Amino acid sequence: MCRKALPLMMALCCLCFTVAGQERKLDELLARHYEALGGLEAIKSVQSRRLTGRMTVAPGMEAPIKVQFKRPTKMRVDFIVQGMTGSQAYDGETAWMMMPFLGQTAPERLPADQAVNLIKQAEFDGPLVDWKEKGHQVELLGLAQFEGKDAYKLKIIQNNGDVLYHYLDSGSFLTVGQDGKEVVQGKEVDFKSIIGNYKDVSDLHLPHSFENRQDGADSGQQITFDKIELNVDIADEVFAMPQ
């Protein structure tokens, strides 16, 4: 009996050491990631962000865009098309939109799938900062190729059960992209986000360009921010759905 139990105990011990080693590597990687961004203290000192720039809405056509965030989970996106301003926002409880160029002249609650996607984006520091406290699970899968470059691939099981893959550049430890699945108009589709053009903003090093692709497309919607402001005064009412 003892002889049979010994190999099992050894296997369990090896498994424990392996898991502990993986967790240590993950902690070390994330520490370098936080430091590359400017450090955890600087990251957590930011209470609000305002980003202004432009995004593609059709081939050869761009629209001005403004995105505002406020801790812990408030977000609003405004963009101008055909002289009219479209909006999507989440005030921490209600996700809503208003698209006058589509004939929607009064604010409406976002459909469930769009609301879920917006709520994820509203997570102020993203899923990696304080991930345990937020109820996420993070696993380091090792090195992978992302857009032709070596990157550490992280599997994130978010607190709502959705799975997201996050890529950190193997040299800079900065986020270079994400991919996974999301629901669009009731259908599950593959998506990829390419993130780059990092610049210093106060004490942080932040990305200024994003490209969002779906279904394996070679290109997608591009968003470029010309200006990022930190700790700006943004009233809570900005995020609330107008009555």
Protein backbone atom coordinates (compact mmCIF):
# COMPACT_ATOMS: atom_id res chain seq x y z
CA MET A 1 0.00 0.00 0.00
CA CYS A 2 2.80 2.38 0.95
CA ARG A 3 4.73 1.53 -2.21
CA LYS A 4 1.68 2.33 -4.33
CA ALA A 5 1.05 5.59 -2.49
CA LEU A 6 4.62 6.85 -2.91
CA PRO A 7 4.53 7.44 -6.71
CA LEU A 8 1.17 9.20 -6.33
CA MET A 9 2.58 11.50 -3.63
CA MET A 10 5.62 12.25 -5.79
CA ALA A 11 3.39 13.07 -8.75
CA LEU A 12 1.28 15.41 -6.63
CA CYS A 13 4.39 17.14 -5.31
CA CYS A 14 5.71 17.63 -8.86
CA LEU A 15 2.35 19.04 -9.91
CA CYS A 16 2.39 21.50 -7.00
CA PHE A 17 5.90 22.64 -7.87
CA THR A 18 4.91 23.04 -11.54
CA VAL A 19 1.84 25.12 -10.72
CA ALA A 20 3.81 27.23 -8.25
CA GLY A 21 6.52 27.77 -10.86
CA GLN A 22 4.00 28.85 -13.49
CA GLU A 23 2.38 31.27 -11.06
CA ARG A 24 5.77 32.74 -10.17
CA LYS A 25 6.61 33.22 -13.87
CA LEU A 26 3.24 34.87 -14.43
CA ASP A 27 3.74 37.21 -11.47
CA GLU A 28 7.21 38.14 -12.72
CA LEU A 29 5.92 38.78 -16.25
CA LEU A 30 3.05 40.94 -15.05
CA ALA A 31 5.39 42.90 -12.77
CA ARG A 32 7.53 43.72 -15.83
CA HIS A 33 4.39 44.62 -17.77
CA TYR A 34 3.22 47.05 -15.08
CA GLU A 35 6.69 48.57 -14.91
CA ALA A 36 6.78 49.03 -18.70
CA LEU A 37 3.55 51.03 -18.45
CA GLY A 38 4.98 53.27 -15.72
CA GLY A 39 4.50 51.26 -12.55
CA LEU A 40 1.47 50.15 -10.55
CA GLU A 41 1.47 53.25 -8.37
CA ALA A 42 1.28 55.54 -11.41
CA ILE A 43 -1.35 53.34 -13.08
CA LYS A 44 -3.61 53.37 -10.02
CA SER A 45 -3.16 57.10 -9.45
CA VAL A 46 -5.16 57.86 -12.60
CA GLN A 47 -8.84 58.47 -11.87
CA SER A 48 -10.03 59.53 -15.34
CA ARG A 49 -8.92 59.58 -18.98
CA ARG A 50 -10.00 61.52 -22.05
CA LEU A 51 -8.79 60.38 -25.48
CA THR A 52 -9.44 62.35 -28.67
CA GLY A 53 -8.61 61.33 -32.21
CA ARG A 54 -10.14 59.77 -35.30
CA MET A 55 -11.48 56.41 -36.48
CA THR A 56 -12.27 54.86 -39.84
CA VAL A 57 -15.99 54.44 -40.53
CA ALA A 58 -15.65 53.44 -44.21
CA PRO A 59 -12.80 53.04 -46.72
CA GLY A 60 -11.17 56.45 -47.02
CA MET A 61 -13.56 58.01 -44.50
CA GLU A 62 -12.64 59.03 -40.96
CA ALA A 63 -14.71 60.39 -38.09
CA PRO A 64 -13.60 62.41 -35.05
CA ILE A 65 -13.84 60.35 -31.86
CA LYS A 66 -13.69 61.12 -28.14
CA VAL A 67 -13.50 58.41 -25.48
CA GLN A 68 -13.82 59.17 -21.77
CA PHE A 69 -13.23 56.87 -18.79
CA LYS A 70 -13.75 57.31 -15.07
CA ARG A 71 -13.06 54.87 -12.25
CA PRO A 72 -14.14 52.25 -11.63
CA THR A 73 -16.23 51.31 -14.69
CA LYS A 74 -17.59 54.41 -16.41
CA MET A 75 -17.02 54.90 -20.14
CA ARG A 76 -18.41 57.05 -22.95
CA VAL A 77 -17.61 57.10 -26.68
CA ASP A 78 -18.72 59.98 -28.94
CA PHE A 79 -18.05 60.18 -32.69
CA ILE A 80 -19.25 62.52 -35.42
CA VAL A 81 -20.67 61.18 -38.71
CA GLN A 82 -22.44 63.38 -41.28
CA GLY A 83 -22.37 66.26 -38.82
CA MET A 84 -24.24 64.24 -36.16
CA THR A 85 -22.82 62.86 -32.93
CA GLY A 86 -23.30 59.20 -32.08
CA SER A 87 -22.76 58.03 -28.52
CA GLN A 88 -22.31 54.81 -26.54
CA ALA A 89 -21.85 54.89 -22.79
CA TYR A 90 -21.87 52.89 -19.58
CA ASP A 91 -22.39 54.59 -16.23
CA GLY A 92 -21.53 51.56 -14.11
CA GLU A 93 -25.09 50.23 -14.22
CA THR A 94 -26.73 51.05 -17.56
CA ALA A 95 -25.24 50.73 -21.06
CA TRP A 96 -26.93 52.97 -23.64
CA MET A 97 -26.52 54.47 -27.09
CA MET A 98 -27.83 57.21 -29.35
CA MET A 99 -27.21 57.10 -33.13
CA PRO A 100 -29.03 60.01 -34.85
CA PHE A 101 -27.50 59.23 -38.27
CA LEU A 102 -29.36 55.89 -38.08
CA GLY A 103 -32.63 57.63 -37.26
CA GLN A 104 -32.33 57.06 -33.50
CA THR A 105 -32.99 60.50 -32.03
CA ALA A 106 -33.58 59.39 -28.43
CA PRO A 107 -31.20 57.40 -26.20
CA GLU A 108 -31.88 53.66 -25.88
CA ARG A 109 -30.43 50.84 -23.79
CA LEU A 110 -27.83 48.82 -25.66
CA PRO A 111 -28.78 45.29 -26.78
CA ALA A 112 -27.38 42.67 -24.42
CA ASP A 113 -24.45 41.55 -26.60
CA GLN A 114 -23.32 45.13 -27.29
CA ALA A 115 -23.72 46.00 -23.61
CA VAL A 116 -21.44 43.11 -22.58
CA ASN A 117 -18.71 44.24 -24.99
CA LEU A 118 -18.92 47.86 -23.81
CA ILE A 119 -18.83 46.86 -20.13
CA LYS A 120 -15.65 44.88 -20.75
CA GLN A 121 -14.04 47.90 -22.40
CA ALA A 122 -15.09 50.08 -19.46
CA GLU A 123 -12.83 48.16 -17.04
CA PHE A 124 -10.59 51.12 -16.19
CA ASP A 125 -7.18 49.44 -15.90
CA GLY A 126 -7.98 46.51 -18.17
CA PRO A 127 -8.17 42.88 -17.05
CA LEU A 128 -4.55 42.39 -15.90
CA VAL A 129 -4.31 44.92 -13.07
CA ASP A 130 -5.71 43.44 -9.83
CA TRP A 131 -7.01 40.48 -11.84
CA LYS A 132 -7.47 38.24 -8.80
CA GLU A 133 -9.50 40.84 -6.93
CA LYS A 134 -11.73 41.29 -9.99
CA GLY A 135 -12.44 37.56 -10.16
CA HIS A 136 -10.55 36.90 -13.41
CA GLN A 137 -8.29 33.90 -14.01
CA VAL A 138 -4.99 34.41 -15.85
CA GLU A 139 -2.72 31.68 -17.25
CA LEU A 140 0.63 32.10 -19.01
CA LEU A 141 0.61 29.90 -22.13
CA GLY A 142 4.17 30.70 -23.22
CA LEU A 143 5.60 32.41 -26.29
CA ALA A 144 3.53 32.76 -29.44
CA GLN A 145 3.55 34.71 -32.68
CA PHE A 146 1.36 37.80 -32.87
CA GLU A 147 1.47 39.79 -36.10
CA GLY A 148 4.85 38.25 -36.90
CA LYS A 149 6.51 39.03 -33.56
CA ASP A 150 7.26 36.99 -30.45
CA ALA A 151 4.84 37.71 -27.63
CA TYR A 152 3.88 36.14 -24.32
CA LYS A 153 0.38 34.72 -24.69
CA LEU A 154 -1.93 34.97 -21.69
CA LYS A 155 -5.28 33.23 -21.38
CA ILE A 156 -7.75 35.31 -19.39
CA ILE A 157 -11.00 33.77 -18.18
CA GLN A 158 -12.99 36.84 -17.28
CA ASN A 159 -15.32 37.01 -14.30
CA ASN A 160 -18.32 36.56 -16.61
CA GLY A 161 -16.84 33.35 -18.07
CA ASP A 162 -15.69 34.83 -21.40
CA VAL A 163 -12.20 33.89 -22.60
CA LEU A 164 -9.75 36.49 -23.88
CA TYR A 165 -6.20 35.98 -25.14
CA HIS A 166 -3.79 38.81 -24.34
CA TYR A 167 -0.34 39.30 -25.91
CA LEU A 168 2.67 41.04 -24.32
CA ASP A 169 5.66 41.88 -26.51
CA SER A 170 8.59 39.63 -25.54
CA GLY A 171 11.02 42.55 -25.48
CA SER A 172 9.08 45.54 -24.17
CA PHE A 173 6.42 43.63 -22.13
CA LEU A 174 3.81 46.06 -23.46
CA THR A 175 0.42 44.87 -24.74
CA VAL A 176 0.51 44.42 -28.51
CA GLY A 177 -2.89 42.80 -28.99
CA GLN A 178 -5.80 40.68 -27.94
CA ASP A 179 -7.98 38.09 -29.64
CA GLY A 180 -10.89 35.84 -28.85
CA LYS A 181 -14.58 35.60 -29.59
CA GLU A 182 -17.38 38.09 -29.11
CA VAL A 183 -21.08 38.19 -29.91
CA VAL A 184 -22.11 40.63 -32.65
CA GLN A 185 -25.77 40.90 -33.62
CA GLY A 186 -26.47 37.57 -31.96
CA LYS A 187 -23.62 35.72 -33.70
CA GLU A 188 -20.32 34.65 -32.20
CA VAL A 189 -17.39 35.93 -34.26
CA ASP A 190 -13.61 35.85 -33.95
CA PHE A 191 -11.96 39.19 -33.29
CA LYS A 192 -8.44 40.54 -33.08
CA SER A 193 -7.24 43.87 -31.68
CA ILE A 194 -3.80 45.20 -32.64
CA ILE A 195 -2.44 47.74 -30.18
CA GLY A 196 0.59 50.00 -30.58
CA ASN A 197 2.13 53.45 -31.07
CA TYR A 198 3.07 53.86 -27.40
CA LYS A 199 3.89 57.36 -26.18
CA ASP A 200 4.64 58.93 -22.83
CA VAL A 201 1.67 60.62 -21.16
CA SER A 202 2.65 62.13 -17.82
CA ASP A 203 4.21 59.22 -15.89
CA LEU A 204 2.68 56.49 -18.06
CA HIS A 205 3.54 54.87 -21.40
CA LEU A 206 0.24 54.43 -23.26
CA PRO A 207 -0.88 53.11 -26.69
CA HIS A 208 -2.29 55.60 -29.18
CA SER A 209 -3.37 53.30 -32.03
CA PHE A 210 -5.83 50.40 -32.18
CA GLU A 211 -7.04 48.23 -35.05
CA ASN A 212 -10.04 45.96 -34.58
CA ARG A 213 -10.59 43.07 -36.99
CA GLN A 214 -13.24 40.36 -37.27
CA ASP A 215 -13.47 36.94 -38.93
CA GLY A 216 -9.83 36.73 -40.02
CA ALA A 217 -9.92 39.92 -42.09
CA ASP A 218 -6.59 41.38 -43.25
CA SER A 219 -7.58 44.84 -41.99
CA GLY A 220 -10.26 46.43 -39.84
CA GLN A 221 -11.42 49.56 -38.12
CA GLN A 222 -8.54 51.78 -37.13
CA ILE A 223 -8.60 54.23 -34.25
CA THR A 224 -5.78 56.73 -33.71
CA PHE A 225 -5.65 59.03 -30.71
CA ASP A 226 -3.81 62.31 -31.11
CA LYS A 227 -4.25 63.36 -27.49
CA ILE A 228 -4.66 61.52 -24.18
CA GLU A 229 -5.41 63.49 -21.01
CA LEU A 230 -5.20 62.01 -17.52
CA ASN A 231 -7.02 62.98 -14.33
CA VAL A 232 -9.31 65.41 -16.12
CA ASP A 233 -12.50 66.61 -14.44
CA ILE A 234 -15.39 64.55 -15.85
CA ALA A 235 -18.79 64.73 -14.12
CA ASP A 236 -20.65 61.45 -13.49
CA GLU A 237 -23.59 62.88 -15.42
CA VAL A 238 -21.55 62.64 -18.63
CA PHE A 239 -21.96 58.85 -18.54
CA ALA A 240 -25.63 58.71 -17.52
CA MET A 241 -28.35 58.02 -20.10
CA PRO A 242 -30.30 61.25 -20.79
CA GLN A 243 -33.91 61.15 -19.65
